Amino acid sequence: MAVKIRLSRIGTTNRPFYRLIATDSRKKRDGAELANIGTYDPLKGSVVTFNEDIYQEWLNKGAIATDSAKKVYRLFKQSGALSPVAPTGIEAAQAEKIEQAA
């Protein structure tokens, strides 16, 4: 089984929001996932949540990160945040609304 770390869209029309997941490469973009690694908001260009331990664990197991997943990881590293990043204030409310809508 070839495992990839990639983005899965959970946002609504014109409001993209993504989960960073580990999944079998043969599955659909929004199909079954093996692990949820974090979330990314492209409208703000920020990583909302990210669990670096799980990310590194999957890479050590042989998972391949896509270019977009690598970009999210770089954004996380540039923010200088500690893992996992906890959503605050408005971001938490928006993430909760998006998850309820999905």
Protein backbone atom coordinates (compact mmCIF):
# COMPACT_ATOMS: atom_id res chain seq x y z
CA MET A 1 0.00 0.00 0.00
CA ALA A 2 1.47 3.34 -1.08
CA VAL A 3 0.74 5.97 1.56
CA LYS A 4 0.72 9.67 0.71
CA ILE A 5 0.40 12.73 2.89
CA ARG A 6 -1.89 15.11 1.02
CA LEU A 7 -4.66 17.67 1.37
CA SER A 8 -8.35 16.80 1.59
CA ARG A 9 -10.86 19.58 0.93
CA ILE A 10 -13.55 20.15 3.55
CA GLY A 11 -14.54 23.73 2.74
CA THR A 12 -17.68 25.00 1.07
CA THR A 13 -18.09 26.63 -2.32
CA ASN A 14 -15.74 29.62 -2.63
CA ARG A 15 -14.46 28.99 0.94
CA PRO A 16 -11.72 26.36 0.65
CA PHE A 17 -10.42 24.70 3.82
CA TYR A 18 -8.20 21.66 3.87
CA ARG A 19 -7.20 18.80 6.16
CA LEU A 20 -3.69 17.42 5.92
CA ILE A 21 -4.13 13.64 5.95
CA ALA A 22 -2.25 10.40 5.47
CA THR A 23 -4.10 8.12 3.05
CA ASP A 24 -3.68 5.32 0.56
CA SER A 25 -2.67 6.92 -2.76
CA ARG A 26 -5.35 4.92 -4.61
CA LYS A 27 -8.20 6.51 -2.63
CA LYS A 28 -10.19 9.55 -3.73
CA ARG A 29 -9.11 13.02 -2.64
CA ASP A 30 -11.82 13.20 0.03
CA GLY A 31 -11.94 9.44 0.67
CA ALA A 32 -10.94 7.34 3.64
CA GLU A 33 -7.99 8.57 5.66
CA LEU A 34 -5.46 6.76 7.83
CA ALA A 35 -4.57 9.75 10.02
CA ASN A 36 -5.55 13.40 10.36
CA ILE A 37 -2.38 15.47 10.66
CA GLY A 38 -3.66 19.03 10.63
CA THR A 39 -5.72 21.72 8.94
CA TYR A 40 -4.86 24.56 6.54
CA ASP A 41 -6.75 27.74 5.58
CA PRO A 42 -5.57 28.94 2.14
CA LEU A 43 -7.62 32.15 2.28
CA LYS A 44 -5.55 33.36 5.23
CA GLY A 45 -2.49 31.40 4.15
CA SER A 46 -2.14 29.96 7.63
CA VAL A 47 -1.89 26.58 9.28
CA VAL A 48 -4.75 26.29 11.77
CA THR A 49 -3.66 23.04 13.43
CA PHE A 50 -0.69 20.76 12.84
CA ASN A 51 0.64 17.69 14.64
CA GLU A 52 4.30 17.42 13.71
CA ASP A 53 4.78 14.15 15.61
CA ILE A 54 2.23 12.32 13.45
CA TYR A 55 3.64 13.93 10.28
CA GLN A 56 7.18 12.75 11.07
CA GLU A 57 5.92 9.31 12.11
CA TRP A 58 4.27 8.76 8.72
CA LEU A 59 7.34 10.00 6.86
CA ASN A 60 9.48 7.54 8.85
CA LYS A 61 7.08 4.74 7.88
CA GLY A 62 7.69 5.54 4.20
CA ALA A 63 4.80 7.87 3.35
CA ILE A 64 5.40 10.36 0.55
CA ALA A 65 4.36 13.98 1.09
CA THR A 66 2.89 15.80 -1.91
CA ASP A 67 4.16 19.24 -2.92
CA SER A 68 1.16 20.93 -1.29
CA ALA A 69 1.69 18.97 1.94
CA LYS A 70 5.33 20.05 1.98
CA LYS A 71 4.19 23.66 1.52
CA VAL A 72 1.88 23.40 4.54
CA TYR A 73 4.73 21.92 6.59
CA ARG A 74 7.04 24.80 5.57
CA LEU A 75 4.35 27.33 6.58
CA PHE A 76 4.06 25.60 9.94
CA LYS A 77 7.83 25.75 10.45
CA GLN A 78 8.02 29.42 9.40
CA SER A 79 5.32 30.39 11.88
CA GLY A 80 7.63 29.19 14.66
CA ALA A 81 4.69 27.55 16.39
CA LEU A 82 4.98 24.59 18.71
CA SER A 83 3.12 21.42 17.81
CA PRO A 84 0.19 21.01 17.87
CA VAL A 85 -0.99 24.51 16.97
CA ALA A 86 -4.19 25.32 18.83
CA PRO A 87 -6.82 27.40 17.02
CA THR A 88 -7.71 30.63 18.77
CA GLY A 89 -10.74 32.91 18.80
CA ILE A 90 -12.30 33.45 15.40
CA GLU A 91 -10.24 30.68 13.76
CA ALA A 92 -11.65 28.12 16.20
CA ALA A 93 -15.22 29.23 15.50
CA GLN A 94 -14.69 29.09 11.73
CA ALA A 95 -13.07 25.65 11.89
CA GLU A 96 -15.95 24.36 14.02
CA LYS A 97 -18.56 25.70 11.56
CA ILE A 98 -16.75 24.12 8.62
CA GLU A 99 -16.49 20.74 10.35
CA GLN A 100 -20.20 20.82 11.25
CA ALA A 101 -21.12 21.62 7.64
CA ALA A 102 -19.06 18.71 6.29
